[in-house]
Amino acid sequence: MHTIKTSPEFAALSELEINAALDAYDDSVEEENSSCGGGEENDTPPASPVVAEVFRLIHAYTERMNELIEEAKAGRREVSETFLADILAYEPEVPIERIAFDFVADAVLDEEDDD
């Protein structure tokens, strides 16, 4: 996970700024969906560069987790709760990375709860 970093222009953003951009994006998606008959999927890319960067980081973290799991399976190692806990123990350095990583970690934990 240590190889996944944000672009320099986003490194100094505060959690407040990032969450404000994400909230504005959520509001625009809700408005768009209500005006076109609903639906939960939004295929339009975010206009906000901050939101686009969060999405890029989420995708990168997800891909890296999948790679680690596939490597473990290829090495015939068990993908145990300890293995996943080690992955999820990663602490990103800057707020935008933490927010994106938290989205991925929450999704992983929710998926485990469903199993």
N, C-alpha and C. Protein backbone atom coordinates (compact mmCIF):
# COMPACT_ATOMS: atom_id res chain seq x y z
N MET A 1 0.81 -1.19 0.00
CA MET A 1 0.00 0.00 0.00
C MET A 1 0.86 1.26 0.00
N HIS A 2 2.06 1.12 0.48
CA HIS A 2 2.93 2.29 0.61
C HIS A 2 3.24 2.95 -0.73
N THR A 3 3.03 2.25 -1.81
CA THR A 3 3.34 2.82 -3.12
C THR A 3 2.20 3.68 -3.68
N ILE A 4 1.07 3.68 -3.04
CA ILE A 4 -0.07 4.46 -3.52
C ILE A 4 -0.05 5.82 -2.83
N LYS A 5 0.16 6.83 -3.63
CA LYS A 5 0.26 8.19 -3.10
C LYS A 5 -0.63 9.13 -3.91
N THR A 6 -1.06 10.17 -3.25
CA THR A 6 -1.84 11.19 -3.93
C THR A 6 -0.95 12.08 -4.76
N SER A 7 -1.55 12.78 -5.67
CA SER A 7 -0.83 13.79 -6.44
C SER A 7 -0.48 14.95 -5.50
N PRO A 8 0.65 15.60 -5.71
CA PRO A 8 1.10 16.65 -4.79
C PRO A 8 0.08 17.77 -4.55
N GLU A 9 -0.71 18.11 -5.57
CA GLU A 9 -1.65 19.22 -5.40
C GLU A 9 -2.79 18.90 -4.42
N PHE A 10 -2.94 17.61 -4.07
CA PHE A 10 -4.00 17.23 -3.13
C PHE A 10 -3.47 16.89 -1.74
N ALA A 11 -2.17 16.83 -1.58
CA ALA A 11 -1.58 16.38 -0.32
C ALA A 11 -1.85 17.32 0.85
N ALA A 12 -2.02 18.60 0.59
CA ALA A 12 -2.20 19.55 1.68
C ALA A 12 -3.67 19.82 2.02
N LEU A 13 -4.59 19.19 1.30
CA LEU A 13 -6.01 19.41 1.58
C LEU A 13 -6.39 18.85 2.95
N SER A 14 -7.26 19.56 3.62
CA SER A 14 -7.73 19.10 4.93
C SER A 14 -8.89 18.13 4.74
N GLU A 15 -9.19 17.37 5.79
CA GLU A 15 -10.34 16.47 5.76
C GLU A 15 -11.62 17.25 5.50
N LEU A 16 -11.72 18.43 6.08
CA LEU A 16 -12.90 19.27 5.90
C LEU A 16 -13.10 19.62 4.42
N GLU A 17 -12.03 20.01 3.74
CA GLU A 17 -12.11 20.36 2.32
C GLU A 17 -12.50 19.14 1.47
N ILE A 18 -11.91 18.02 1.78
CA ILE A 18 -12.18 16.80 1.01
C ILE A 18 -13.62 16.35 1.22
N ASN A 19 -14.06 16.34 2.48
CA ASN A 19 -15.43 15.93 2.78
C ASN A 19 -16.45 16.89 2.18
N ALA A 20 -16.13 18.18 2.12
CA ALA A 20 -17.02 19.15 1.49
C ALA A 20 -17.16 18.84 0.00
N ALA A 21 -16.06 18.50 -0.65
CA ALA A 21 -16.11 18.14 -2.08
C ALA A 21 -16.91 16.86 -2.29
N LEU A 22 -16.72 15.88 -1.41
CA LEU A 22 -17.48 14.63 -1.53
C LEU A 22 -18.97 14.85 -1.26
N ASP A 23 -19.29 15.69 -0.28
CA ASP A 23 -20.70 16.00 0.00
C ASP A 23 -21.35 16.71 -1.19
N ALA A 24 -20.64 17.66 -1.79
CA ALA A 24 -21.18 18.37 -2.96
C ALA A 24 -21.40 17.39 -4.10
N TYR A 25 -20.48 16.44 -4.27
CA TYR A 25 -20.63 15.42 -5.31
C TYR A 25 -21.86 14.55 -5.01
N ASP A 26 -22.00 14.11 -3.77
CA ASP A 26 -23.17 13.30 -3.39
C ASP A 26 -24.47 14.06 -3.66
N ASP A 27 -24.48 15.33 -3.31
CA ASP A 27 -25.68 16.15 -3.54
C ASP A 27 -25.99 16.24 -5.03
N SER A 28 -24.96 16.42 -5.86
CA SER A 28 -25.19 16.54 -7.30
C SER A 28 -25.68 15.22 -7.89
N VAL A 29 -25.17 14.10 -7.39
CA VAL A 29 -25.60 12.79 -7.87
C VAL A 29 -27.05 12.55 -7.46
N GLU A 30 -27.39 12.88 -6.23
CA GLU A 30 -28.77 12.71 -5.77
C GLU A 30 -29.73 13.56 -6.60
N GLU A 31 -29.32 14.80 -6.87
CA GLU A 31 -30.16 15.69 -7.67
C GLU A 31 -30.31 15.16 -9.09
N GLU A 32 -29.22 14.71 -9.67
CA GLU A 32 -29.25 14.16 -11.03
C GLU A 32 -30.14 12.93 -11.10
N ASN A 33 -30.02 12.04 -10.12
CA ASN A 33 -30.83 10.82 -10.12
C ASN A 33 -32.30 11.12 -9.90
N SER A 34 -32.60 12.10 -9.06
CA SER A 34 -34.02 12.41 -8.83
C SER A 34 -34.64 13.08 -10.05
N SER A 35 -33.84 13.79 -10.82
CA SER A 35 -34.38 14.47 -12.00
C SER A 35 -34.50 13.54 -13.20
N CYS A 36 -33.84 12.40 -13.16
CA CYS A 36 -33.90 11.49 -14.32
C CYS A 36 -34.54 10.15 -13.94
N GLY A 37 -35.33 10.15 -12.90
CA GLY A 37 -36.08 8.94 -12.59
C GLY A 37 -35.43 8.00 -11.62
N GLY A 38 -34.38 8.40 -10.96
CA GLY A 38 -33.77 7.56 -9.93
C GLY A 38 -32.62 6.75 -10.46
N GLY A 39 -32.27 5.75 -9.70
CA GLY A 39 -31.12 4.92 -10.04
C GLY A 39 -29.98 5.25 -9.12
N GLU A 40 -29.18 4.24 -8.82
CA GLU A 40 -28.09 4.47 -7.88
C GLU A 40 -26.75 4.60 -8.55
N GLU A 41 -26.65 4.17 -9.81
CA GLU A 41 -25.37 4.22 -10.49
C GLU A 41 -25.19 5.58 -11.15
N ASN A 42 -24.01 6.13 -11.05
CA ASN A 42 -23.69 7.38 -11.71
C ASN A 42 -22.51 7.13 -12.62
N ASP A 43 -22.74 7.24 -13.92
CA ASP A 43 -21.68 6.95 -14.88
C ASP A 43 -20.87 8.19 -15.26
N THR A 44 -21.34 9.36 -14.88
CA THR A 44 -20.60 10.56 -15.23
C THR A 44 -19.44 10.75 -14.27
N PRO A 45 -18.27 11.06 -14.81
CA PRO A 45 -17.13 11.28 -13.94
C PRO A 45 -17.32 12.56 -13.12
N PRO A 46 -16.76 12.61 -11.94
CA PRO A 46 -16.92 13.79 -11.10
C PRO A 46 -16.23 15.01 -11.73
N ALA A 47 -16.90 16.15 -11.65
CA ALA A 47 -16.32 17.39 -12.17
C ALA A 47 -15.23 17.90 -11.24
N SER A 48 -15.35 17.60 -9.96
CA SER A 48 -14.39 18.06 -8.97
C SER A 48 -13.09 17.27 -9.06
N PRO A 49 -11.97 17.95 -9.21
CA PRO A 49 -10.68 17.23 -9.23
C PRO A 49 -10.39 16.51 -7.91
N VAL A 50 -10.90 17.06 -6.80
CA VAL A 50 -10.70 16.43 -5.49
C VAL A 50 -11.43 15.09 -5.46
N VAL A 51 -12.68 15.08 -5.90
CA VAL A 51 -13.46 13.85 -5.92
C VAL A 51 -12.84 12.85 -6.89
N ALA A 52 -12.39 13.32 -8.03
CA ALA A 52 -11.74 12.44 -9.00
C ALA A 52 -10.49 11.80 -8.39
N GLU A 53 -9.75 12.55 -7.60
CA GLU A 53 -8.55 12.00 -6.95
C GLU A 53 -8.93 10.98 -5.88
N VAL A 54 -9.98 11.23 -5.12
CA VAL A 54 -10.45 10.25 -4.14
C VAL A 54 -10.83 8.96 -4.86
N PHE A 55 -11.56 9.08 -5.97
CA PHE A 55 -11.95 7.90 -6.74
C PHE A 55 -10.72 7.16 -7.27
N ARG A 56 -9.73 7.91 -7.76
CA ARG A 56 -8.50 7.28 -8.26
C ARG A 56 -7.80 6.49 -7.16
N LEU A 57 -7.72 7.10 -5.98
CA LEU A 57 -7.08 6.43 -4.84
C LEU A 57 -7.86 5.19 -4.40
N ILE A 58 -9.18 5.30 -4.36
CA ILE A 58 -10.01 4.14 -4.00
C ILE A 58 -9.74 3.00 -4.97
N HIS A 59 -9.71 3.32 -6.25
CA HIS A 59 -9.45 2.29 -7.26
C HIS A 59 -8.05 1.68 -7.06
N ALA A 60 -7.06 2.52 -6.82
CA ALA A 60 -5.69 2.04 -6.64
C ALA A 60 -5.57 1.15 -5.40
N TYR A 61 -6.18 1.56 -4.29
CA TYR A 61 -6.14 0.74 -3.07
C TYR A 61 -6.86 -0.59 -3.29
N THR A 62 -7.98 -0.55 -3.97
CA THR A 62 -8.74 -1.77 -4.24
C THR A 62 -7.92 -2.72 -5.10
N GLU A 63 -7.32 -2.19 -6.15
CA GLU A 63 -6.48 -3.02 -7.03
C GLU A 63 -5.31 -3.63 -6.25
N ARG A 64 -4.67 -2.83 -5.40
CA ARG A 64 -3.52 -3.34 -4.63
C ARG A 64 -3.96 -4.42 -3.64
N MET A 65 -5.09 -4.24 -3.00
CA MET A 65 -5.59 -5.28 -2.08
C MET A 65 -5.87 -6.56 -2.84
N ASN A 66 -6.50 -6.43 -3.99
CA ASN A 66 -6.78 -7.61 -4.81
C ASN A 66 -5.49 -8.31 -5.23
N GLU A 67 -4.47 -7.55 -5.58
CA GLU A 67 -3.17 -8.13 -5.93
C GLU A 67 -2.57 -8.90 -4.76
N LEU A 68 -2.61 -8.31 -3.57
CA LEU A 68 -2.06 -8.98 -2.38
C LEU A 68 -2.81 -10.27 -2.08
N ILE A 69 -4.12 -10.25 -2.24
CA ILE A 69 -4.92 -11.45 -1.99
C ILE A 69 -4.60 -12.51 -3.03
N GLU A 70 -4.49 -12.12 -4.29
CA GLU A 70 -4.16 -13.08 -5.35
C GLU A 70 -2.76 -13.65 -5.15
N GLU A 71 -1.80 -12.82 -4.74
CA GLU A 71 -0.45 -13.30 -4.47
C GLU A 71 -0.47 -14.33 -3.34
N ALA A 72 -1.25 -14.07 -2.31
CA ALA A 72 -1.35 -15.00 -1.19
C ALA A 72 -1.94 -16.32 -1.65
N LYS A 73 -3.00 -16.25 -2.44
CA LYS A 73 -3.64 -17.46 -2.94
C LYS A 73 -2.69 -18.23 -3.85
N ALA A 74 -1.95 -17.53 -4.69
CA ALA A 74 -1.00 -18.19 -5.60
C ALA A 74 0.11 -18.89 -4.81
N GLY A 75 0.48 -18.31 -3.67
CA GLY A 75 1.48 -18.92 -2.80
C GLY A 75 0.88 -19.92 -1.84
N ARG A 76 -0.39 -20.23 -2.06
CA ARG A 76 -1.13 -21.18 -1.25
C ARG A 76 -1.17 -20.80 0.23
N ARG A 77 -1.11 -19.50 0.46
CA ARG A 77 -1.26 -19.02 1.83
C ARG A 77 -2.73 -18.74 2.09
N GLU A 78 -3.12 -18.91 3.31
CA GLU A 78 -4.51 -18.66 3.69
C GLU A 78 -4.76 -17.16 3.77
N VAL A 79 -5.87 -16.74 3.21
CA VAL A 79 -6.29 -15.35 3.33
C VAL A 79 -7.17 -15.28 4.58
N SER A 80 -6.49 -15.17 5.71
CA SER A 80 -7.16 -15.24 7.00
C SER A 80 -7.55 -13.84 7.49
N GLU A 81 -8.24 -13.82 8.61
CA GLU A 81 -8.58 -12.54 9.22
C GLU A 81 -7.31 -11.78 9.61
N THR A 82 -6.28 -12.49 10.01
CA THR A 82 -5.02 -11.84 10.38
C THR A 82 -4.38 -11.21 9.15
N PHE A 83 -4.42 -11.91 8.02
CA PHE A 83 -3.88 -11.39 6.77
C PHE A 83 -4.60 -10.09 6.41
N LEU A 84 -5.93 -10.11 6.45
CA LEU A 84 -6.71 -8.91 6.12
C LEU A 84 -6.47 -7.81 7.15
N ALA A 85 -6.34 -8.16 8.41
CA ALA A 85 -6.08 -7.16 9.45
C ALA A 85 -4.75 -6.47 9.20
N ASP A 86 -3.75 -7.23 8.75
CA ASP A 86 -2.45 -6.64 8.44
C ASP A 86 -2.58 -5.63 7.30
N ILE A 87 -3.35 -5.98 6.28
CA ILE A 87 -3.56 -5.06 5.16
C ILE A 87 -4.29 -3.81 5.64
N LEU A 88 -5.33 -4.01 6.43
CA LEU A 88 -6.16 -2.90 6.87
C LEU A 88 -5.49 -2.05 7.95
N ALA A 89 -4.37 -2.50 8.48
CA ALA A 89 -3.65 -1.74 9.49
C ALA A 89 -2.82 -0.60 8.88
N TYR A 90 -2.75 -0.57 7.57
CA TYR A 90 -1.99 0.47 6.88
C TYR A 90 -2.52 1.85 7.27
N GLU A 91 -1.63 2.78 7.52
CA GLU A 91 -1.99 4.15 7.90
C GLU A 91 -1.49 5.12 6.84
N PRO A 92 -2.38 5.57 5.96
CA PRO A 92 -1.98 6.56 4.95
C PRO A 92 -1.49 7.84 5.62
N GLU A 93 -0.65 8.57 4.89
CA GLU A 93 0.03 9.73 5.47
C GLU A 93 -0.77 11.03 5.43
N VAL A 94 -1.57 11.23 4.41
CA VAL A 94 -2.27 12.51 4.26
C VAL A 94 -3.78 12.28 4.25
N PRO A 95 -4.55 13.32 4.58
CA PRO A 95 -6.01 13.15 4.71
C PRO A 95 -6.70 12.52 3.49
N ILE A 96 -6.37 12.95 2.29
CA ILE A 96 -7.08 12.42 1.13
C ILE A 96 -6.82 10.93 0.97
N GLU A 97 -5.62 10.49 1.29
CA GLU A 97 -5.29 9.07 1.24
C GLU A 97 -6.04 8.31 2.33
N ARG A 98 -6.13 8.91 3.52
CA ARG A 98 -6.85 8.26 4.63
C ARG A 98 -8.32 8.09 4.29
N ILE A 99 -8.93 9.12 3.73
CA ILE A 99 -10.35 9.06 3.40
C ILE A 99 -10.60 7.99 2.36
N ALA A 100 -9.78 7.95 1.31
CA ALA A 100 -9.94 6.94 0.27
C ALA A 100 -9.72 5.54 0.83
N PHE A 101 -8.68 5.37 1.65
CA PHE A 101 -8.39 4.06 2.23
C PHE A 101 -9.52 3.61 3.15
N ASP A 102 -10.09 4.55 3.89
CA ASP A 102 -11.20 4.21 4.79
C ASP A 102 -12.41 3.70 4.01
N PHE A 103 -12.68 4.28 2.83
CA PHE A 103 -13.77 3.78 1.99
C PHE A 103 -13.54 2.31 1.63
N VAL A 104 -12.30 2.00 1.24
CA VAL A 104 -11.97 0.63 0.84
C VAL A 104 -12.02 -0.30 2.05
N ALA A 105 -11.44 0.12 3.16
CA ALA A 105 -11.45 -0.72 4.37
C ALA A 105 -12.87 -0.99 4.83
N ASP A 106 -13.73 0.03 4.80
CA ASP A 106 -15.13 -0.16 5.19
C ASP A 106 -15.82 -1.15 4.28
N ALA A 107 -15.55 -1.08 2.98
CA ALA A 107 -16.15 -2.01 2.03
C ALA A 107 -15.69 -3.44 2.30
N VAL A 108 -14.41 -3.61 2.59
CA VAL A 108 -13.88 -4.94 2.89
C VAL A 108 -14.53 -5.48 4.16
N LEU A 109 -14.62 -4.66 5.17
CA LEU A 109 -15.21 -5.10 6.44
C LEU A 109 -16.70 -5.41 6.28
N ASP A 110 -17.40 -4.59 5.49
CA ASP A 110 -18.82 -4.86 5.23
C ASP A 110 -19.01 -6.18 4.49
N GLU A 111 -18.11 -6.46 3.55
CA GLU A 111 -18.18 -7.70 2.78
C GLU A 111 -17.93 -8.89 3.71
N GLU A 112 -16.98 -8.75 4.63
CA GLU A 112 -16.70 -9.84 5.57
C GLU A 112 -17.90 -10.08 6.48
N ASP A 113 -18.58 -9.02 6.89
CA ASP A 113 -19.77 -9.17 7.74
C ASP A 113 -20.88 -9.90 7.02
N ASP A 114 -20.94 -9.74 5.69
CA ASP A 114 -21.97 -10.41 4.89
C ASP A 114 -21.68 -11.89 4.72
N ASP A 115 -20.43 -12.30 4.87
CA ASP A 115 -20.07 -13.72 4.67
C ASP A 115 -20.42 -14.55 5.81
